[in-house]
PDB file of N, CA and C in Angstrom:
ATOM      1  N   UNK A   1      10.513  26.900  13.150  1.00  0.00           N
ATOM      2  CA  UNK A   1      11.222  26.175  13.850  1.00  0.00           C
ATOM      3  C   UNK A   1      12.532  26.788  14.640  1.00  0.00           C
ATOM      4  N   UNK A   2      13.104  26.979  13.943  1.00  0.00           N
ATOM      5  CA  UNK A   2      14.109  27.647  14.532  1.00  0.00           C
ATOM      6  C   UNK A   2      14.073  28.962  15.204  1.00  0.00           C
ATOM      7  N   UNK A   3      13.088  30.112  14.809  1.00  0.00           N
ATOM      8  CA  UNK A   3      13.046  30.607  15.523  1.00  0.00           C
ATOM      9  C   UNK A   3      12.214  31.099  17.084  1.00  0.00           C
ATOM     10  N   UNK A   4      11.334  29.787  16.715  1.00  0.00           N
ATOM     11  CA  UNK A   4      10.947  28.994  18.120  1.00  0.00           C
ATOM     12  C   UNK A   4      11.710  29.033  18.990  1.00  0.00           C
ATOM     13  N   UNK A   5      12.270  28.160  18.810  1.00  0.00           N
ATOM     14  CA  UNK A   5      13.855  26.828  19.700  1.00  0.00           C
ATOM     15  C   UNK A   5      15.085  27.633  19.830  1.00  0.00           C
ATOM     16  N   UNK A   6      15.231  28.221  18.378  1.00  0.00           N
ATOM     17  CA  UNK A   6      16.697  28.358  18.438  1.00  0.00           C
ATOM     18  C   UNK A   6      17.304  29.085  19.639  1.00  0.00           C
ATOM     19  N   UNK A   7      16.621  30.061  19.818  1.00  0.00           N
ATOM     20  CA  UNK A   7      17.191  31.247  21.179  1.00  0.00           C
ATOM     21  C   UNK A   7      16.565  30.746  22.504  1.00  0.00           C
ATOM     22  N   UNK A   8      16.292  29.470  22.819  1.00  0.00           N
ATOM     23  CA  UNK A   8      16.048  29.075  24.096  1.00  0.00           C
ATOM     24  C   UNK A   8      17.590  27.875  24.212  1.00  0.00           C
ATOM     25  N   UNK A   9      18.563  27.249  23.217  1.00  0.00           N
ATOM     26  CA  UNK A   9      19.349  26.764  23.257  1.00  0.00           C
ATOM     27  C   UNK A   9      20.255  27.124  24.243  1.00  0.00           C
ATOM     28  N   UNK A  10      20.823  28.154  24.823  1.00  0.00           N
ATOM     29  CA  UNK A  10      21.399  28.680  25.518  1.00  0.00           C
ATOM     30  C   UNK A  10      21.034  28.573  27.212  1.00  0.00           C
ATOM     31  N   UNK A  11      19.657  28.766  27.043  1.00  0.00           N
ATOM     32  CA  UNK A  11      19.298  28.199  28.620  1.00  0.00           C
ATOM     33  C   UNK A  11      19.082  26.808  28.680  1.00  0.00           C
ATOM     34  N   UNK A  12      18.631  26.101  27.860  1.00  0.00           N
ATOM     35  CA  UNK A  12      19.248  24.602  27.959  1.00  0.00           C
ATOM     36  C   UNK A  12      20.613  23.943  28.408  1.00  0.00           C
ATOM     37  N   UNK A  13      20.891  24.879  27.905  1.00  0.00           N
ATOM     38  CA  UNK A  13      22.223  24.675  28.056  1.00  0.00           C
ATOM     39  C   UNK A  13      23.202  25.080  29.662  1.00  0.00           C
ATOM     40  N   UNK A  14      22.630  26.262  29.869  1.00  0.00           N
ATOM     41  CA  UNK A  14      22.976  26.447  31.360  1.00  0.00           C
ATOM     42  C   UNK A  14      21.863  26.034  32.378  1.00  0.00           C
ATOM     43  N   UNK A  15      21.349  24.549  31.876  1.00  0.00           N
ATOM     44  CA  UNK A  15      20.521  24.241  32.702  1.00  0.00           C
ATOM     45  C   UNK A  15      19.051  24.361  33.420  1.00  0.00           C
ATOM     46  N   UNK A  16      18.730  25.513  32.435  1.00  0.00           N
ATOM     47  CA  UNK A  16      17.348  25.721  33.124  1.00  0.00           C
ATOM     48  C   UNK A  16      16.121  25.564  31.796  1.00  0.00           C
ATOM     49  N   UNK A  17      16.173  24.288  31.699  1.00  0.00           N
ATOM     50  CA  UNK A  17      15.195  23.807  31.081  1.00  0.00           C
ATOM     51  C   UNK A  17      13.448  24.706  30.832  1.00  0.00           C
ATOM     52  N   UNK A  18      13.273  24.801  31.885  1.00  0.00           N
ATOM     53  CA  UNK A  18      11.658  25.218  32.539  1.00  0.00           C
ATOM     54  C   UNK A  18      11.757  26.557  31.321  1.00  0.00           C
ATOM     55  N   UNK A  19      12.613  27.673  31.653  1.00  0.00           N
ATOM     56  CA  UNK A  19      12.802  28.501  31.437  1.00  0.00           C
ATOM     57  C   UNK A  19      12.704  28.767  29.538  1.00  0.00           C
ATOM     58  N   UNK A  20      13.484  27.401  29.347  1.00  0.00           N
ATOM     59  CA  UNK A  20      14.121  27.449  27.885  1.00  0.00           C
ATOM     60  C   UNK A  20      12.978  27.013  27.135  1.00  0.00           C
ATOM     61  N   UNK A  21      11.887  26.123  28.262  1.00  0.00           N
ATOM     62  CA  UNK A  21      10.558  25.936  27.266  1.00  0.00           C
ATOM     63  C   UNK A  21       9.481  27.022  27.242  1.00  0.00           C
ATOM     64  N   UNK A  22       9.259  27.629  28.040  1.00  0.00           N
ATOM     65  CA  UNK A  22       8.716  28.409  28.476  1.00  0.00           C
ATOM     66  C   UNK A  22       8.688  29.463  27.346  1.00  0.00           C
ATOM     67  N   UNK A  23       9.746  30.313  26.833  1.00  0.00           N
ATOM     68  CA  UNK A  23       9.873  30.774  26.053  1.00  0.00           C
ATOM     69  C   UNK A  23      10.059  30.419  24.578  1.00  0.00           C
ATOM     70  N   UNK A  24      10.073  29.416  24.370  1.00  0.00           N
ATOM     71  CA  UNK A  24      10.347  28.472  23.369  1.00  0.00           C
ATOM     72  C   UNK A  24       8.440  28.722  22.700  1.00  0.00           C
ATOM     73  N   UNK A  25       7.814  28.181  23.606  1.00  0.00           N
ATOM     74  CA  UNK A  25       6.147  27.814  23.909  1.00  0.00           C
ATOM     75  C   UNK A  25       5.533  29.512  23.124  1.00  0.00           C
ATOM     76  N   UNK A  26       6.867  30.307  24.525  1.00  0.00           N
ATOM     77  CA  UNK A  26       5.646  31.199  23.793  1.00  0.00           C
ATOM     78  C   UNK A  26       6.193  32.175  22.373  1.00  0.00           C
ATOM     79  N   UNK A  27       7.094  31.643  22.307  1.00  0.00           N
ATOM     80  CA  UNK A  27       6.907  32.347  21.058  1.00  0.00           C
ATOM     81  C   UNK A  27       6.539  31.460  19.459  1.00  0.00           C
ATOM     82  N   UNK A  28       6.264  30.437  19.605  1.00  0.00           N
ATOM     83  CA  UNK A  28       5.522  29.020  18.843  1.00  0.00           C
ATOM     84  C   UNK A  28       4.090  29.761  18.896  1.00  0.00           C
ATOM     85  N   UNK A  29       3.901  30.014  20.108  1.00  0.00           N
ATOM     86  CA  UNK A  29       2.224  30.701  19.684  1.00  0.00           C
ATOM     87  C   UNK A  29       2.039  31.833  19.563  1.00  0.00           C
ATOM     88  N   UNK A  30       2.776  32.754  19.198  1.00  0.00           N
ATOM     89  CA  UNK A  30       2.804  34.146  19.192  1.00  0.00           C
ATOM     90  C   UNK A  30       2.796  33.590  17.186  1.00  0.00           C
ATOM     91  N   UNK A  31       4.033  32.942  16.789  1.00  0.00           N
ATOM     92  CA  UNK A  31       4.063  32.668  15.237  1.00  0.00           C
ATOM     93  C   UNK A  31       2.737  31.876  14.700  1.00  0.00           C
ATOM     94  N   UNK A  32       2.430  30.892  15.359  1.00  0.00           N
ATOM     95  CA  UNK A  32       1.108  30.203  14.822  1.00  0.00           C
ATOM     96  C   UNK A  32      -0.551  30.668  14.860  1.00  0.00           C
ATOM     97  N   UNK A  33       0.182  31.589  16.135  1.00  0.00           N
ATOM     98  CA  UNK A  33      -1.731  32.374  16.123  1.00  0.00           C
ATOM     99  C   UNK A  33      -1.695  33.748  15.092  1.00  0.00           C
ATOM    100  N   UNK A  34      -0.619  34.476  14.887  1.00  0.00           N
ATOM    101  CA  UNK A  34      -0.014  35.200  13.864  1.00  0.00           C
ATOM    102  C   UNK A  34      -0.558  34.905  12.699  1.00  0.00           C
ATOM    103  N   UNK A  35       0.190  33.734  11.957  1.00  0.00           N
ATOM    104  CA  UNK A  35      -0.443  33.378  10.988  1.00  0.00           C
ATOM    105  C   UNK A  35      -1.697  32.368  10.501  1.00  0.00           C
ATOM    106  N   UNK A  36      -2.435  32.071  11.938  1.00  0.00           N
ATOM    107  CA  UNK A  36      -3.763  31.452  11.838  1.00  0.00           C
ATOM    108  C   UNK A  36      -4.673  32.947  11.205  1.00  0.00           C
ATOM    109  N   UNK A  37      -4.327  33.688  12.157  1.00  0.00           N
ATOM    110  CA  UNK A  37      -5.181  35.369  11.700  1.00  0.00           C
ATOM    111  C   UNK A  37      -4.817  35.540  10.520  1.00  0.00           C
ATOM    112  N   UNK A  38      -3.818  35.860   9.984  1.00  0.00           N
ATOM    113  CA  UNK A  38      -3.847  36.480   8.949  1.00  0.00           C
ATOM    114  C   UNK A  38      -4.143  35.245   7.689  1.00  0.00           C
ATOM    115  N   UNK A  39      -4.333  34.060   7.754  1.00  0.00           N
ATOM    116  CA  UNK A  39      -4.813  32.819   7.070  1.00  0.00           C
ATOM    117  C   UNK A  39      -6.233  32.785   7.540  1.00  0.00           C
ATOM    118  N   UNK A  40      -6.457  33.441   8.445  1.00  0.00           N
ATOM    119  CA  UNK A  40      -8.185  33.545   8.243  1.00  0.00           C
ATOM    120  C   UNK A  40      -9.138  34.370   7.547  1.00  0.00           C
ATOM    121  N   UNK A  41      -8.632  35.590   7.653  1.00  0.00           N
ATOM    122  CA  UNK A  41      -8.418  37.103   7.560  1.00  0.00           C
ATOM    123  C   UNK A  41      -8.287  36.908   5.791  1.00  0.00           C
ATOM    124  N   UNK A  42      -7.254  36.311   5.444  1.00  0.00           N
ATOM    125  CA  UNK A  42      -7.411  36.137   4.087  1.00  0.00           C
ATOM    126  C   UNK A  42      -6.831  35.000   3.641  1.00  0.00           C
ATOM    127  N   UNK A  43      -8.023  33.767   3.222  1.00  0.00           N
ATOM    128  CA  UNK A  43      -7.874  32.634   2.562  1.00  0.00           C
ATOM    129  C   UNK A  43      -6.895  32.802   1.032  1.00  0.00           C
ATOM    130  N   UNK A  44      -6.330  31.473   0.740  1.00  0.00           N
ATOM    131  CA  UNK A  44      -4.929  31.748  -0.031  1.00  0.00           C
ATOM    132  C   UNK A  44      -5.644  32.275  -1.816  1.00  0.00           C
ATOM    133  N   UNK A  45      -7.601  31.967  -1.664  1.00  0.00           N
ATOM    134  CA  UNK A  45      -7.682  32.587  -2.825  1.00  0.00           C
ATOM    135  C   UNK A  45      -8.761  33.211  -2.823  1.00  0.00           C
ATOM    136  N   UNK A  46      -9.282  34.918  -3.394  1.00  0.00           N
ATOM    137  CA  UNK A  46      -9.973  35.367  -3.458  1.00  0.00           C
ATOM    138  C   UNK A  46     -10.030  36.488  -2.033  1.00  0.00           C
ATOM    139  N   UNK A  47      -8.974  37.109  -2.354  1.00  0.00           N
ATOM    140  CA  UNK A  47      -8.322  37.718  -1.309  1.00  0.00           C
ATOM    141  C   UNK A  47      -8.570  39.554  -1.627  1.00  0.00           C
ATOM    142  N   UNK A  48      -9.389  40.020  -0.786  1.00  0.00           N
ATOM    143  CA  UNK A  48      -9.654  41.559  -1.053  1.00  0.00           C
ATOM    144  C   UNK A  48      -8.884  41.940  -0.571  1.00  0.00           C
ATOM    145  N   UNK A  49      -8.282  43.442  -0.684  1.00  0.00           N
ATOM    146  CA  UNK A  49      -7.698  45.127  -0.608  1.00  0.00           C
ATOM    147  C   UNK A  49      -7.977  44.683   1.135  1.00  0.00           C
ATOM    148  N   UNK A  50      -9.383  44.755   1.955  1.00  0.00           N
ATOM    149  CA  UNK A  50      -9.042  44.806   3.192  1.00  0.00           C
ATOM    150  C   UNK A  50      -8.547  43.988   4.136  1.00  0.00           C
ATOM    151  N   UNK A  51      -8.853  42.717   3.496  1.00  0.00           N
ATOM    152  CA  UNK A  51      -8.383  41.576   4.185  1.00  0.00           C
ATOM    153  C   UNK A  51      -6.910  41.372   3.866  1.00  0.00           C
ATOM    154  N   UNK A  52      -6.410  42.088   2.523  1.00  0.00           N
ATOM    155  CA  UNK A  52      -5.055  41.455   2.713  1.00  0.00           C
ATOM    156  C   UNK A  52      -4.156  42.228   3.508  1.00  0.00           C
ATOM    157  N   UNK A  53      -4.570  43.591   4.104  1.00  0.00           N
ATOM    158  CA  UNK A  53      -4.214  44.210   4.902  1.00  0.00           C
ATOM    159  C   UNK A  53      -3.991  44.048   5.940  1.00  0.00           C
ATOM    160  N   UNK A  54      -5.245  42.922   6.921  1.00  0.00           N
ATOM    161  CA  UNK A  54      -5.472  42.625   7.711  1.00  0.00           C
ATOM    162  C   UNK A  54      -4.219  41.548   8.296  1.00  0.00           C
ATOM    163  N   UNK A  55      -4.246  40.665   7.166  1.00  0.00           N
ATOM    164  CA  UNK A  55      -3.161  39.568   6.914  1.00  0.00           C
ATOM    165  C   UNK A  55      -1.937  40.067   7.530  1.00  0.00           C
ATOM    166  N   UNK A  56      -1.246  41.125   6.610  1.00  0.00           N
ATOM    167  CA  UNK A  56      -0.193  41.641   6.772  1.00  0.00           C
ATOM    168  C   UNK A  56      -0.316  42.250   8.220  1.00  0.00           C
ATOM    169  N   UNK A  57      -0.902  43.388   8.606  1.00  0.00           N
ATOM    170  CA  UNK A  57      -0.467  43.469   9.915  1.00  0.00           C
ATOM    171  C   UNK A  57      -0.764  42.344  10.568  1.00  0.00           C
ATOM    172  N   UNK A  58      -1.593  41.299  10.669  1.00  0.00           N
ATOM    173  CA  UNK A  58      -1.156  40.029  11.797  1.00  0.00           C
ATOM    174  C   UNK A  58       0.090  39.639  11.942  1.00  0.00           C
ATOM    175  N   UNK A  59       0.497  39.176  10.410  1.00  0.00           N
ATOM    176  CA  UNK A  59       1.882  39.016  10.437  1.00  0.00           C
ATOM    177  C   UNK A  59       3.343  39.826  11.147  1.00  0.00           C
ATOM    178  N   UNK A  60       3.330  40.982  10.270  1.00  0.00           N
ATOM    179  CA  UNK A  60       3.950  41.677  11.305  1.00  0.00           C
ATOM    180  C   UNK A  60       4.560  42.011  12.449  1.00  0.00           C
ATOM    181  N   UNK A  61       2.990  42.339  13.321  1.00  0.00           N
ATOM    182  CA  UNK A  61       2.961  42.339  14.332  1.00  0.00           C
ATOM    183  C   UNK A  61       3.400  41.189  15.412  1.00  0.00           C
ATOM    184  N   UNK A  62       3.062  40.106  14.934  1.00  0.00           N
ATOM    185  CA  UNK A  62       3.597  38.676  15.224  1.00  0.00           C
ATOM    186  C   UNK A  62       5.230  38.428  15.430  1.00  0.00           C
ATOM    187  N   UNK A  63       5.263  39.198  13.648  1.00  0.00           N
ATOM    188  CA  UNK A  63       7.164  39.104  13.653  1.00  0.00           C
ATOM    189  C   UNK A  63       7.316  40.190  14.532  1.00  0.00           C
ATOM    190  N   UNK A  64       7.106  41.148  14.772  1.00  0.00           N
ATOM    191  CA  UNK A  64       7.890  41.762  15.957  1.00  0.00           C
ATOM    192  C   UNK A  64       7.815  42.090  17.476  1.00  0.00           C
ATOM    193  N   UNK A  65       6.599  40.675  17.600  1.00  0.00           N
ATOM    194  CA  UNK A  65       6.548  40.292  18.964  1.00  0.00           C
ATOM    195  C   UNK A  65       7.770  38.784  18.584  1.00  0.00           C
ATOM    196  N   UNK A  66       7.814  38.267  17.713  1.00  0.00           N
ATOM    197  CA  UNK A  66       8.862  37.072  17.974  1.00  0.00           C
ATOM    198  C   UNK A  66      10.227  37.799  18.373  1.00  0.00           C
ATOM    199  N   UNK A  67      10.648  39.113  16.897  1.00  0.00           N
ATOM    200  CA  UNK A  67      11.822  39.748  17.107  1.00  0.00           C
ATOM    201  C   UNK A  67      12.503  39.862  18.172  1.00  0.00           C
ATOM    202  N   UNK A  68      11.422  40.294  19.041  1.00  0.00           N
ATOM    203  CA  UNK A  68      11.257  41.192  20.612  1.00  0.00           C
ATOM    204  C   UNK A  68      11.888  39.865  21.761  1.00  0.00           C
ATOM    205  N   UNK A  69      11.192  39.332  21.287  1.00  0.00           N
ATOM    206  CA  UNK A  69      11.128  37.762  22.196  1.00  0.00           C
ATOM    207  C   UNK A  69      12.518  37.334  22.124  1.00  0.00           C
ATOM    208  N   UNK A  70      13.303  37.378  20.956  1.00  0.00           N
ATOM    209  CA  UNK A  70      14.258  36.143  20.202  1.00  0.00           C
ATOM    210  C   UNK A  70      15.605  37.795  20.730  1.00  0.00           C
ATOM    211  N   UNK A  71      15.298  38.300  21.028  1.00  0.00           N
ATOM    212  CA  UNK A  71      16.246  39.486  21.109  1.00  0.00           C
ATOM    213  C   UNK A  71      16.821  39.407  23.013  1.00  0.00           C
ATOM    214  N   UNK A  72      15.127  39.605  23.493  1.00  0.00           N
ATOM    215  CA  UNK A  72      14.976  39.240  25.058  1.00  0.00           C
ATOM    216  C   UNK A  72      15.775  37.812  25.251  1.00  0.00           C
ATOM    217  N   UNK A  73      15.821  36.502  24.365  1.00  0.00           N
ATOM    218  CA  UNK A  73      16.243  35.870  24.777  1.00  0.00           C
ATOM    219  C   UNK A  73      17.379  35.562  24.832  1.00  0.00           C
ATOM    220  N   UNK A  74      17.894  36.194  23.912  1.00  0.00           N
ATOM    221  CA  UNK A  74      19.475  35.847  23.401  1.00  0.00           C
ATOM    222  C   UNK A  74      20.460  36.545  24.450  1.00  0.00           C
ATOM    223  N   UNK A  75      19.627  37.858  24.731  1.00  0.00           N
ATOM    224  CA  UNK A  75      20.316  38.900  25.187  1.00  0.00           C
ATOM    225  C   UNK A  75      20.138  38.055  26.904  1.00  0.00           C
ATOM    226  N   UNK A  76      19.830  37.919  27.533  1.00  0.00           N
ATOM    227  CA  UNK A  76      19.416  37.622  29.239  1.00  0.00           C
ATOM    228  C   UNK A  76      20.219  35.892  28.854  1.00  0.00           C
ATOM    229  N   UNK A  77      20.592  35.289  27.952  1.00  0.00           N
ATOM    230  CA  UNK A  77      21.679  34.026  27.676  1.00  0.00           C
ATOM    231  C   UNK A  77      23.097  33.873  28.257  1.00  0.00           C
ATOM    232  N   UNK A  78      23.840  34.928  28.623  1.00  0.00           N
ATOM    233  CA  UNK A  78      25.144  34.717  28.889  1.00  0.00           C
ATOM    234  C   UNK A  78      25.279  34.713  30.298  1.00  0.00           C
ATOM    235  N   UNK A  79      24.609  35.210  30.910  1.00  0.00           N
ATOM    236  CA  UNK A  79      24.411  35.119  32.657  1.00  0.00           C
ATOM    237  C   UNK A  79      24.074  33.453  32.462  1.00  0.00           C
ATOM    238  N   UNK A  80      23.102  33.147  32.407  1.00  0.00           N
ATOM    239  CA  UNK A  80      22.647  31.741  33.008  1.00  0.00           C
ATOM    240  C   UNK A  80      23.734  31.225  31.965  1.00  0.00           C
ATOM    241  N   UNK A  81      24.342  31.483  31.044  1.00  0.00           N
ATOM    242  CA  UNK A  81      25.539  30.325  30.617  1.00  0.00           C
ATOM    243  C   UNK A  81      26.763  30.627  31.533  1.00  0.00           C
ATOM    244  N   UNK A  82      27.036  31.832  31.804  1.00  0.00           N
ATOM    245  CA  UNK A  82      28.433  32.225  32.769  1.00  0.00           C
ATOM    246  C   UNK A  82      27.932  31.306  34.038  1.00  0.00           C
ATOM    247  N   UNK A  83      27.223  31.444  34.416  1.00  0.00           N
ATOM    248  CA  UNK A  83      26.791  30.619  35.974  1.00  0.00           C
ATOM    249  C   UNK A  83      27.290  29.409  35.428  1.00  0.00           C
ATOM    250  N   UNK A  84      26.390  28.543  34.783  1.00  0.00           N
ATOM    251  CA  UNK A  84      26.750  27.411  34.344  1.00  0.00           C
ATOM    252  C   UNK A  84      28.204  27.207  33.825  1.00  0.00           C
ATOM    253  N   UNK A  85      29.019  28.150  33.276  1.00  0.00           N
ATOM    254  CA  UNK A  85      30.344  27.630  33.108  1.00  0.00           C
ATOM    255  C   UNK A  85      31.363  27.846  34.223  1.00  0.00           C
ATOM    256  N   UNK A  86      31.013  28.658  34.692  1.00  0.00           N
ATOM    257  CA  UNK A  86      32.000  28.210  35.924  1.00  0.00           C
ATOM    258  C   UNK A  86      32.113  26.903  37.181  1.00  0.00           C
ATOM    259  N   UNK A  87      31.301  25.991  36.518  1.00  0.00           N
ATOM    260  CA  UNK A  87      31.472  24.821  36.841  1.00  0.00           C
ATOM    261  C   UNK A  87      32.246  24.002  36.055  1.00  0.00           C
ATOM    262  N   UNK A  88      32.520  24.370  35.246  1.00  0.00           N
ATOM    263  CA  UNK A  88      33.732  24.014  34.167  1.00  0.00           C
ATOM    264  C   UNK A  88      35.091  24.342  34.336  1.00  0.00           C
ATOM    265  N   UNK A  89      35.995  23.481  34.599  1.00  0.00           N
ATOM    266  CA  UNK A  89      37.845  23.695  34.291  1.00  0.00           C
ATOM    267  C   UNK A  89      38.180  22.591  33.195  1.00  0.00           C
ATOM    268  N   UNK A  90      39.376  23.460  33.054  1.00  0.00           N
ATOM    269  CA  UNK A  90      40.306  22.726  31.633  1.00  0.00           C
ATOM    270  C   UNK A  90      41.447  23.179  32.192  1.00  0.00           C
ATOM    271  N   UNK A  91      42.529  21.872  32.183  1.00  0.00           N
ATOM    272  CA  UNK A  91      43.739  22.029  32.969  1.00  0.00           C
ATOM    273  C   UNK A  91      44.562  21.101  31.891  1.00  0.00           C
ATOM    274  N   UNK A  92      45.698  21.466  31.830  1.00  0.00           N
ATOM    275  CA  UNK A  92      46.804  20.748  31.309  1.00  0.00           C
ATOM    276  C   UNK A  92      47.247  19.355  31.933  1.00  0.00           C
ATOM    277  N   UNK A  93      47.291  18.721  30.752  1.00  0.00           N
ATOM    278  CA  UNK A  93      47.445  17.168  31.596  1.00  0.00           C
ATOM    279  C   UNK A  93      48.678  16.182  30.808  1.00  0.00           C
ATOM    280  N   UNK A  94      49.524  15.612  31.299  1.00  0.00           N
ATOM    281  CA  UNK A  94      50.831  14.753  30.734  1.00  0.00           C
ATOM    282  C   UNK A  94      50.571  13.723  31.493  1.00  0.00           C
ATOM    283  N   UNK A  95      50.532  12.811  30.211  1.00  0.00           N
ATOM    284  CA  UNK A  95      50.499  11.722  30.606  1.00  0.00           C
ATOM    285  C   UNK A  95      51.684  10.856  31.211  1.00  0.00           C
ATOM    286  N   UNK A  96      51.427   9.958  32.585  1.00  0.00           N
ATOM    287  CA  UNK A  96      52.934   9.297  32.318  1.00  0.00           C
ATOM    288  C   UNK A  96      54.117   8.376  31.887  1.00  0.00           C
ATOM    289  N   UNK A  97      53.184   7.973  30.681  1.00  0.00           N
ATOM    290  CA  UNK A  97      53.745   7.138  29.591  1.00  0.00           C
ATOM    291  C   UNK A  97      54.088   7.153  28.220  1.00  0.00           C
ATOM    292  N   UNK A  98      53.787   8.561  28.192  1.00  0.00           N
ATOM    293  CA  UNK A  98      54.302   9.449  26.317  1.00  0.00           C
ATOM    294  C   UNK A  98      54.927  10.394  26.916  1.00  0.00           C
ATOM    295  N   UNK A  99      55.366  10.886  26.678  1.00  0.00           N
ATOM    296  CA  UNK A  99      56.468  12.261  25.915  1.00  0.00           C
ATOM    297  C   UNK A  99      55.595  13.199  25.473  1.00  0.00           C
ATOM    298  N   UNK A 100      54.079  13.017  24.965  1.00  0.00           N
ATOM    299  CA  UNK A 100      53.184  14.116  24.732  1.00  0.00           C
ATOM    300  C   UNK A 100      52.406  14.808  25.676  1.00  0.00           C
ATOM    301  N   UNK A 101      52.256  15.956  25.058  1.00  0.00           N
ATOM    302  CA  UNK A 101      51.256  17.025  26.072  1.00  0.00           C
ATOM    303  C   UNK A 101      49.377  16.747  25.717  1.00  0.00           C
ATOM    304  N   UNK A 102      48.734  16.691  26.653  1.00  0.00           N
ATOM    305  CA  UNK A 102      47.622  16.991  26.329  1.00  0.00           C
ATOM    306  C   UNK A 102      46.980  17.909  27.024  1.00  0.00           C
ATOM    307  N   UNK A 103      45.631  18.012  26.806  1.00  0.00           N
ATOM    308  CA  UNK A 103      44.771  18.289  27.806  1.00  0.00           C
ATOM    309  C   UNK A 103      43.032  17.676  28.106  1.00  0.00           C
ATOM    310  N   UNK A 104      42.517  18.053  29.489  1.00  0.00           N
ATOM    311  CA  UNK A 104      41.773  17.488  30.445  1.00  0.00           C
ATOM    312  C   UNK A 104      40.707  18.532  30.801  1.00  0.00           C
ATOM    313  N   UNK A 105      39.718  18.191  30.187  1.00  0.00           N
ATOM    314  CA  UNK A 105      38.452  18.995  30.963  1.00  0.00           C
ATOM    315  C   UNK A 105      37.761  18.252  32.260  1.00  0.00           C
ATOM    316  N   UNK A 106      37.053  19.098  33.078  1.00  0.00           N
ATOM    317  CA  UNK A 106      36.515  18.089  33.759  1.00  0.00           C
ATOM    318  C   UNK A 106      35.344  19.156  33.759  1.00  0.00           C
ATOM    319  N   UNK A 107      33.795  18.511  33.489  1.00  0.00           N
ATOM    320  CA  UNK A 107      33.038  18.708  33.250  1.00  0.00           C
ATOM    321  C   UNK A 107      31.439  18.272  34.529  1.00  0.00           C
ATOM    322  N   UNK A 108      30.835  18.949  35.423  1.00  0.00           N
ATOM    323  CA  UNK A 108      30.128  18.246  36.355  1.00  0.00           C
ATOM    324  C   UNK A 108      28.625  18.970  35.833  1.00  0.00           C
ATOM    325  N   UNK A 109      27.789  17.692  35.973  1.00  0.00           N
ATOM    326  CA  UNK A 109      26.264  18.153  35.214  1.00  0.00           C
ATOM    327  C   UNK A 109      25.206  17.604  36.622  1.00  0.00           C
TER     328      UNK A 109
END
């Protein structure tokens, strides 16, 4: 679950939920598909050498594809987040009724 949805959180934050959901769905499909192929090729009991090889190749290929998609999603998120952060401003704030110094942030959604 973390590999499928975690890298998309930056896009959710940046206000691009469609992109985040699409990339998470692709990763989830690759994970589920590669595990299904592996379990179909090599059931948990009585697995031969050739079946083990097919299962291993399936899991390794799926893992490679997911790793590439995670790297792409993480690498492309900063541009979306920078655009979102330009709409957030932080400024010092001094309350009128006390001698303390505080802070104030304005966030627009």
